[in-house]
Amino acid sequence: EGGRVRLDCQTSLSGADLSFTWLSPNRGFITPNGFNDSLISMFFNGTLEVHAATVNDSGLYLCTAV
């Protein structure tokens, strides 16, 4: 608990115009432009970073790339 967790979005797609979205068990949909949370960062390469992760952050995270 309290550590930093990074989740990479693995995809066979390529290109500069890729768009990533994460579905979080307790935060709903996370997109680079539409999400503002000091405890989570999403990078344009699709990586999701949870700062100071707790047991409440556990669960299934789903990433989609379009």
PDB file of N, CA and C in Angstrom:
ATOM      1  N   GLU A   1       0.826  -1.181   0.000  1.00  0.00           N
ATOM      2  CA  GLU A   1       0.000   0.000   0.000  1.00  0.00           C
ATOM      3  C   GLU A   1       0.866   1.238   0.000  1.00  0.00           C
ATOM      4  N   GLY A   2       0.378   2.265  -0.687  1.00  0.00           N
ATOM      5  CA  GLY A   2       1.088   3.523  -0.722  1.00  0.00           C
ATOM      6  C   GLY A   2       2.101   3.638  -1.829  1.00  0.00           C
ATOM      7  N   GLY A   3       2.329   2.547  -2.576  1.00  0.00           N
ATOM      8  CA  GLY A   3       3.298   2.580  -3.661  1.00  0.00           C
ATOM      9  C   GLY A   3       2.693   3.071  -4.962  1.00  0.00           C
ATOM     10  N   ARG A   4       3.560   3.217  -5.938  1.00  0.00           N
ATOM     11  CA  ARG A   4       3.150   3.654  -7.267  1.00  0.00           C
ATOM     12  C   ARG A   4       2.995   2.428  -8.152  1.00  0.00           C
ATOM     13  N   VAL A   5       1.900   2.371  -8.906  1.00  0.00           N
ATOM     14  CA  VAL A   5       1.623   1.242  -9.794  1.00  0.00           C
ATOM     15  C   VAL A   5       1.460   1.767 -11.212  1.00  0.00           C
ATOM     16  N   ARG A   6       2.181   1.131 -12.156  1.00  0.00           N
ATOM     17  CA  ARG A   6       2.067   1.513 -13.572  1.00  0.00           C
ATOM     18  C   ARG A   6       1.477   0.354 -14.353  1.00  0.00           C
ATOM     19  N   LEU A   7       0.480   0.658 -15.171  1.00  0.00           N
ATOM     20  CA  LEU A   7      -0.164  -0.327 -16.034  1.00  0.00           C
ATOM     21  C   LEU A   7       0.046   0.101 -17.477  1.00  0.00           C
ATOM     22  N   ASP A   8       0.620  -0.793 -18.281  1.00  0.00           N
ATOM     23  CA  ASP A   8       0.840  -0.500 -19.696  1.00  0.00           C
ATOM     24  C   ASP A   8      -0.302  -1.067 -20.515  1.00  0.00           C
ATOM     25  N   CYS A   9      -0.710  -0.328 -21.524  1.00  0.00           N
ATOM     26  CA  CYS A   9      -1.747  -0.787 -22.443  1.00  0.00           C
ATOM     27  C   CYS A   9      -1.050  -1.451 -23.630  1.00  0.00           C
ATOM     28  N   GLN A  10      -1.177  -2.765 -23.732  1.00  0.00           N
ATOM     29  CA  GLN A  10      -0.541  -3.526 -24.809  1.00  0.00           C
ATOM     30  C   GLN A  10      -1.482  -3.608 -26.008  1.00  0.00           C
ATOM     31  N   THR A  11      -0.982  -3.250 -27.189  1.00  0.00           N
ATOM     32  CA  THR A  11      -1.793  -3.299 -28.399  1.00  0.00           C
ATOM     33  C   THR A  11      -0.918  -3.620 -29.599  1.00  0.00           C
ATOM     34  N   SER A  12      -1.521  -4.241 -30.598  1.00  0.00           N
ATOM     35  CA  SER A  12      -0.799  -4.500 -31.848  1.00  0.00           C
ATOM     36  C   SER A  12      -0.972  -3.339 -32.819  1.00  0.00           C
ATOM     37  N   LEU A  13      -1.801  -2.364 -32.467  1.00  0.00           N
ATOM     38  CA  LEU A  13      -2.006  -1.188 -33.313  1.00  0.00           C
ATOM     39  C   LEU A  13      -0.805  -0.263 -33.208  1.00  0.00           C
ATOM     40  N   SER A  14      -0.607   0.534 -34.235  1.00  0.00           N
ATOM     41  CA  SER A  14       0.474   1.516 -34.185  1.00  0.00           C
ATOM     42  C   SER A  14       0.015   2.786 -34.879  1.00  0.00           C
ATOM     43  N   GLY A  15       0.695   3.850 -34.598  1.00  0.00           N
ATOM     44  CA  GLY A  15       0.384   5.126 -35.221  1.00  0.00           C
ATOM     45  C   GLY A  15       0.303   6.237 -34.195  1.00  0.00           C
ATOM     46  N   ALA A  16       0.584   7.432 -34.660  1.00  0.00           N
ATOM     47  CA  ALA A  16       0.604   8.584 -33.767  1.00  0.00           C
ATOM     48  C   ALA A  16      -0.794   9.020 -33.349  1.00  0.00           C
ATOM     49  N   ASP A  17      -1.812   8.576 -34.075  1.00  0.00           N
ATOM     50  CA  ASP A  17      -3.169   9.027 -33.776  1.00  0.00           C
ATOM     51  C   ASP A  17      -3.957   8.035 -32.921  1.00  0.00           C
ATOM     52  N   LEU A  18      -3.270   7.123 -32.249  1.00  0.00           N
ATOM     53  CA  LEU A  18      -3.952   6.174 -31.367  1.00  0.00           C
ATOM     54  C   LEU A  18      -4.575   6.905 -30.180  1.00  0.00           C
ATOM     55  N   SER A  19      -5.735   6.437 -29.776  1.00  0.00           N
ATOM     56  CA  SER A  19      -6.422   6.985 -28.618  1.00  0.00           C
ATOM     57  C   SER A  19      -6.643   5.860 -27.610  1.00  0.00           C
ATOM     58  N   PHE A  20      -6.310   6.111 -26.354  1.00  0.00           N
ATOM     59  CA  PHE A  20      -6.417   5.103 -25.300  1.00  0.00           C
ATOM     60  C   PHE A  20      -7.483   5.505 -24.284  1.00  0.00           C
ATOM     61  N   THR A  21      -8.184   4.511 -23.785  1.00  0.00           N
ATOM     62  CA  THR A  21      -9.160   4.703 -22.717  1.00  0.00           C
ATOM     63  C   THR A  21      -9.020   3.547 -21.738  1.00  0.00           C
ATOM     64  N   TRP A  22      -9.042   3.861 -20.464  1.00  0.00           N
ATOM     65  CA  TRP A  22      -9.018   2.843 -19.416  1.00  0.00           C
ATOM     66  C   TRP A  22     -10.361   2.819 -18.714  1.00  0.00           C
ATOM     67  N   LEU A  23     -10.778   1.633 -18.307  1.00  0.00           N
ATOM     68  CA  LEU A  23     -11.945   1.477 -17.445  1.00  0.00           C
ATOM     69  C   LEU A  23     -11.436   0.989 -16.097  1.00  0.00           C
ATOM     70  N   SER A  24     -11.673   1.785 -15.077  1.00  0.00           N
ATOM     71  CA  SER A  24     -11.201   1.497 -13.727  1.00  0.00           C
ATOM     72  C   SER A  24     -12.364   0.995 -12.878  1.00  0.00           C
ATOM     73  N   PRO A  25     -12.116   0.046 -11.968  1.00  0.00           N
ATOM     74  CA  PRO A  25     -13.206  -0.488 -11.154  1.00  0.00           C
ATOM     75  C   PRO A  25     -13.878   0.542 -10.248  1.00  0.00           C
ATOM     76  N   ASN A  26     -13.158   1.580  -9.841  1.00  0.00           N
ATOM     77  CA  ASN A  26     -13.781   2.549  -8.936  1.00  0.00           C
ATOM     78  C   ASN A  26     -13.738   3.992  -9.425  1.00  0.00           C
ATOM     79  N   ARG A  27     -13.154   4.229 -10.613  1.00  0.00           N
ATOM     80  CA  ARG A  27     -13.110   5.592 -11.151  1.00  0.00           C
ATOM     81  C   ARG A  27     -13.819   5.724 -12.496  1.00  0.00           C
ATOM     82  N   GLY A  28     -14.317   4.626 -13.019  1.00  0.00           N
ATOM     83  CA  GLY A  28     -15.010   4.678 -14.312  1.00  0.00           C
ATOM     84  C   GLY A  28     -14.034   4.839 -15.461  1.00  0.00           C
ATOM     85  N   PHE A  29     -14.467   5.533 -16.508  1.00  0.00           N
ATOM     86  CA  PHE A  29     -13.633   5.708 -17.695  1.00  0.00           C
ATOM     87  C   PHE A  29     -12.575   6.774 -17.466  1.00  0.00           C
ATOM     88  N   ILE A  30     -11.360   6.465 -17.912  1.00  0.00           N
ATOM     89  CA  ILE A  30     -10.229   7.382 -17.790  1.00  0.00           C
ATOM     90  C   ILE A  30      -9.669   7.619 -19.183  1.00  0.00           C
ATOM     91  N   THR A  31      -9.620   8.876 -19.604  1.00  0.00           N
ATOM     92  CA  THR A  31      -9.030   9.250 -20.891  1.00  0.00           C
ATOM     93  C   THR A  31      -7.992  10.339 -20.630  1.00  0.00           C
ATOM     94  N   PRO A  32      -7.028  10.512 -21.530  1.00  0.00           N
ATOM     95  CA  PRO A  32      -5.981  11.512 -21.282  1.00  0.00           C
ATOM     96  C   PRO A  32      -6.528  12.931 -21.133  1.00  0.00           C
ATOM     97  N   ASN A  33      -7.550  13.279 -21.901  1.00  0.00           N
ATOM     98  CA  ASN A  33      -8.047  14.652 -21.892  1.00  0.00           C
ATOM     99  C   ASN A  33      -9.232  14.868 -20.966  1.00  0.00           C
ATOM    100  N   GLY A  34      -9.939  13.808 -20.606  1.00  0.00           N
ATOM    101  CA  GLY A  34     -11.177  13.987 -19.868  1.00  0.00           C
ATOM    102  C   GLY A  34     -11.134  13.544 -18.423  1.00  0.00           C
ATOM    103  N   PHE A  35      -9.933  13.414 -17.857  1.00  0.00           N
ATOM    104  CA  PHE A  35      -9.840  12.904 -16.493  1.00  0.00           C
ATOM    105  C   PHE A  35      -8.886  13.768 -15.694  1.00  0.00           C
ATOM    106  N   ASN A  36      -9.320  14.202 -14.530  1.00  0.00           N
ATOM    107  CA  ASN A  36      -8.481  15.034 -13.684  1.00  0.00           C
ATOM    108  C   ASN A  36      -8.506  14.462 -12.269  1.00  0.00           C
ATOM    109  N   ASP A  37      -7.436  13.815 -11.891  1.00  0.00           N
ATOM    110  CA  ASP A  37      -7.346  13.196 -10.573  1.00  0.00           C
ATOM    111  C   ASP A  37      -5.888  13.241 -10.148  1.00  0.00           C
ATOM    112  N   SER A  38      -5.616  13.803  -8.999  1.00  0.00           N
ATOM    113  CA  SER A  38      -4.228  13.920  -8.546  1.00  0.00           C
ATOM    114  C   SER A  38      -3.626  12.569  -8.178  1.00  0.00           C
ATOM    115  N   LEU A  39      -4.458  11.530  -8.044  1.00  0.00           N
ATOM    116  CA  LEU A  39      -3.959  10.212  -7.668  1.00  0.00           C
ATOM    117  C   LEU A  39      -3.696   9.305  -8.858  1.00  0.00           C
ATOM    118  N   ILE A  40      -4.098   9.739 -10.063  1.00  0.00           N
ATOM    119  CA  ILE A  40      -3.908   8.920 -11.264  1.00  0.00           C
ATOM    120  C   ILE A  40      -3.372   9.800 -12.380  1.00  0.00           C
ATOM    121  N   SER A  41      -2.409   9.272 -13.120  1.00  0.00           N
ATOM    122  CA  SER A  41      -1.917   9.934 -14.328  1.00  0.00           C
ATOM    123  C   SER A  41      -2.082   8.982 -15.493  1.00  0.00           C
ATOM    124  N   MET A  42      -2.487   9.524 -16.632  1.00  0.00           N
ATOM    125  CA  MET A  42      -2.547   8.727 -17.848  1.00  0.00           C
ATOM    126  C   MET A  42      -1.689   9.415 -18.887  1.00  0.00           C
ATOM    127  N   PHE A  43      -0.796   8.643 -19.493  1.00  0.00           N
ATOM    128  CA  PHE A  43       0.132   9.181 -20.472  1.00  0.00           C
ATOM    129  C   PHE A  43      -0.393   8.907 -21.876  1.00  0.00           C
ATOM    130  N   PHE A  44       0.074   9.679 -22.834  1.00  0.00           N
ATOM    131  CA  PHE A  44      -0.446   9.562 -24.193  1.00  0.00           C
ATOM    132  C   PHE A  44      -0.050   8.256 -24.879  1.00  0.00           C
ATOM    133  N   ASN A  45       0.902   7.513 -24.313  1.00  0.00           N
ATOM    134  CA  ASN A  45       1.234   6.191 -24.864  1.00  0.00           C
ATOM    135  C   ASN A  45       0.328   5.103 -24.289  1.00  0.00           C
ATOM    136  N   GLY A  46      -0.645   5.492 -23.458  1.00  0.00           N
ATOM    137  CA  GLY A  46      -1.603   4.554 -22.904  1.00  0.00           C
ATOM    138  C   GLY A  46      -1.278   4.063 -21.511  1.00  0.00           C
ATOM    139  N   THR A  47      -0.111   4.372 -20.994  1.00  0.00           N
ATOM    140  CA  THR A  47       0.268   3.928 -19.652  1.00  0.00           C
ATOM    141  C   THR A  47      -0.560   4.654 -18.599  1.00  0.00           C
ATOM    142  N   LEU A  48      -1.038   3.890 -17.635  1.00  0.00           N
ATOM    143  CA  LEU A  48      -1.799   4.437 -16.517  1.00  0.00           C
ATOM    144  C   LEU A  48      -0.948   4.296 -15.264  1.00  0.00           C
ATOM    145  N   GLU A  49      -0.862   5.353 -14.478  1.00  0.00           N
ATOM    146  CA  GLU A  49      -0.071   5.319 -13.253  1.00  0.00           C
ATOM    147  C   GLU A  49      -0.953   5.713 -12.073  1.00  0.00           C
ATOM    148  N   VAL A  50      -0.992   4.839 -11.070  1.00  0.00           N
ATOM    149  CA  VAL A  50      -1.734   5.108  -9.840  1.00  0.00           C
ATOM    150  C   VAL A  50      -0.713   5.493  -8.779  1.00  0.00           C
ATOM    151  N   HIS A  51      -0.857   6.687  -8.237  1.00  0.00           N
ATOM    152  CA  HIS A  51       0.048   7.181  -7.196  1.00  0.00           C
ATOM    153  C   HIS A  51      -0.507   6.773  -5.835  1.00  0.00           C
ATOM    154  N   ALA A  52       0.337   6.372  -4.944  1.00  0.00           N
ATOM    155  CA  ALA A  52      -0.071   6.002  -3.580  1.00  0.00           C
ATOM    156  C   ALA A  52      -1.232   5.016  -3.604  1.00  0.00           C
ATOM    157  N   ALA A  53      -1.040   3.919  -4.325  1.00  0.00           N
ATOM    158  CA  ALA A  53      -2.096   2.916  -4.488  1.00  0.00           C
ATOM    159  C   ALA A  53      -2.489   2.302  -3.150  1.00  0.00           C
ATOM    160  N   THR A  54      -3.778   2.040  -3.011  1.00  0.00           N
ATOM    161  CA  THR A  54      -4.307   1.384  -1.819  1.00  0.00           C
ATOM    162  C   THR A  54      -5.135   0.177  -2.253  1.00  0.00           C
ATOM    163  N   VAL A  55      -5.625  -0.565  -1.292  1.00  0.00           N
ATOM    164  CA  VAL A  55      -6.454  -1.731  -1.588  1.00  0.00           C
ATOM    165  C   VAL A  55      -7.717  -1.315  -2.345  1.00  0.00           C
ATOM    166  N   ASN A  56      -8.166  -0.089  -2.175  1.00  0.00           N
ATOM    167  CA  ASN A  56      -9.341   0.408  -2.894  1.00  0.00           C
ATOM    168  C   ASN A  56      -9.089   0.540  -4.391  1.00  0.00           C
ATOM    169  N   ASP A  57      -7.832   0.570  -4.802  1.00  0.00           N
ATOM    170  CA  ASP A  57      -7.491   0.665  -6.223  1.00  0.00           C
ATOM    171  C   ASP A  57      -7.403  -0.702  -6.888  1.00  0.00           C
ATOM    172  N   SER A  58      -7.581  -1.767  -6.131  1.00  0.00           N
ATOM    173  CA  SER A  58      -7.457  -3.106  -6.704  1.00  0.00           C
ATOM    174  C   SER A  58      -8.681  -3.437  -7.547  1.00  0.00           C
ATOM    175  N   GLY A  59      -8.490  -4.360  -8.477  1.00  0.00           N
ATOM    176  CA  GLY A  59      -9.581  -4.792  -9.343  1.00  0.00           C
ATOM    177  C   GLY A  59      -9.107  -4.947 -10.771  1.00  0.00           C
ATOM    178  N   LEU A  60     -10.046  -5.168 -11.662  1.00  0.00           N
ATOM    179  CA  LEU A  60      -9.756  -5.372 -13.073  1.00  0.00           C
ATOM    180  C   LEU A  60      -9.760  -4.037 -13.802  1.00  0.00           C
ATOM    181  N   TYR A  61      -8.648  -3.718 -14.448  1.00  0.00           N
ATOM    182  CA  TYR A  61      -8.524  -2.520 -15.264  1.00  0.00           C
ATOM    183  C   TYR A  61      -8.509  -2.956 -16.721  1.00  0.00           C
ATOM    184  N   LEU A  62      -9.306  -2.298 -17.543  1.00  0.00           N
ATOM    185  CA  LEU A  62      -9.413  -2.651 -18.952  1.00  0.00           C
ATOM    186  C   LEU A  62      -8.981  -1.471 -19.803  1.00  0.00           C
ATOM    187  N   CYS A  63      -8.059  -1.727 -20.725  1.00  0.00           N
ATOM    188  CA  CYS A  63      -7.579  -0.690 -21.628  1.00  0.00           C
ATOM    189  C   CYS A  63      -8.063  -0.981 -23.041  1.00  0.00           C
ATOM    190  N   THR A  64      -8.501   0.061 -23.735  1.00  0.00           N
ATOM    191  CA  THR A  64      -8.836  -0.061 -25.153  1.00  0.00           C
ATOM    192  C   THR A  64      -8.021   0.961 -25.926  1.00  0.00           C
ATOM    193  N   ALA A  65      -7.600   0.560 -27.116  1.00  0.00           N
ATOM    194  CA  ALA A  65      -6.849   1.441 -28.012  1.00  0.00           C
ATOM    195  C   ALA A  65      -7.588   1.489 -29.338  1.00  0.00           C
ATOM    196  N   VAL A  66      -7.792   2.688 -29.841  1.00  0.00           N
ATOM    197  CA  VAL A  66      -8.502   2.871 -31.110  1.00  0.00           C
ATOM    198  C   VAL A  66      -7.677   3.769 -32.005  1.00  0.00           C
TER     199      VAL A  66
END
